[in-house]
Amino acid sequence: MWQPAADAGVRRRWTSPPAVAAALITLALAGLLGVRTWERYQALQKIAAVPFDIDEAMNLAGRQVPNEVTSFYFFVLDTPTSLRRDAEELATKMQAAALEHDYLGITGPDPNRNLRTVLRALEAVRGKDLRGLVVIYLGPPDHRRHLSAPIAGSGARFLFVEFPRGASI
């Protein structure tokens, strides 16, 4: 409630003690619950601030391929298609690359979508022999731990490249 101050023309705002207590409790709970959310938001902003550079991604993937190999598959997840459709197409490419004993680079501007797509594609090829495939995944460092076991379980070899450099989620 507003009350006139002793000084002429100056007004002070007075707040009741229960309202102050309620505000402090709300802020404390928001702080406790929102810490991880805020950290994740900041991490996502860091990634968003680093522009996706397809040329750099191809260059980094190409460095993982032996010099005697003249070409390799490169799957970029940058089109507005559904996750299901991307995963189906990636699963097909994985099988083709495995048959040819070839390398397959995978990246895109949205690291979390890339991770979900690769995991879904691996589910789609579960039980298939991917021993000839070498997957080169370009993404944030924490994606390595999510993909190592599923890719190894498929029989494929896994090469990881941090991309963009210095990004993490």
Foldseek 3Di string as FASTA:
>chain_A
DWDPDPDPPDIDDDDDPVVVVVVVVVVVVCCVVCPVVVVVVVLVVVLVVDDDDVVVQVVVQVVVDDPVDPDAAEAEPEDPDDLVVLLCVVLVRLVVCLVVLGEYEYYYSDQVSSLSSPVSNLVVCPPPASQSYEYEYEEAPVSCVVVVVSCVNNNYHYHYHYPPPPHHD
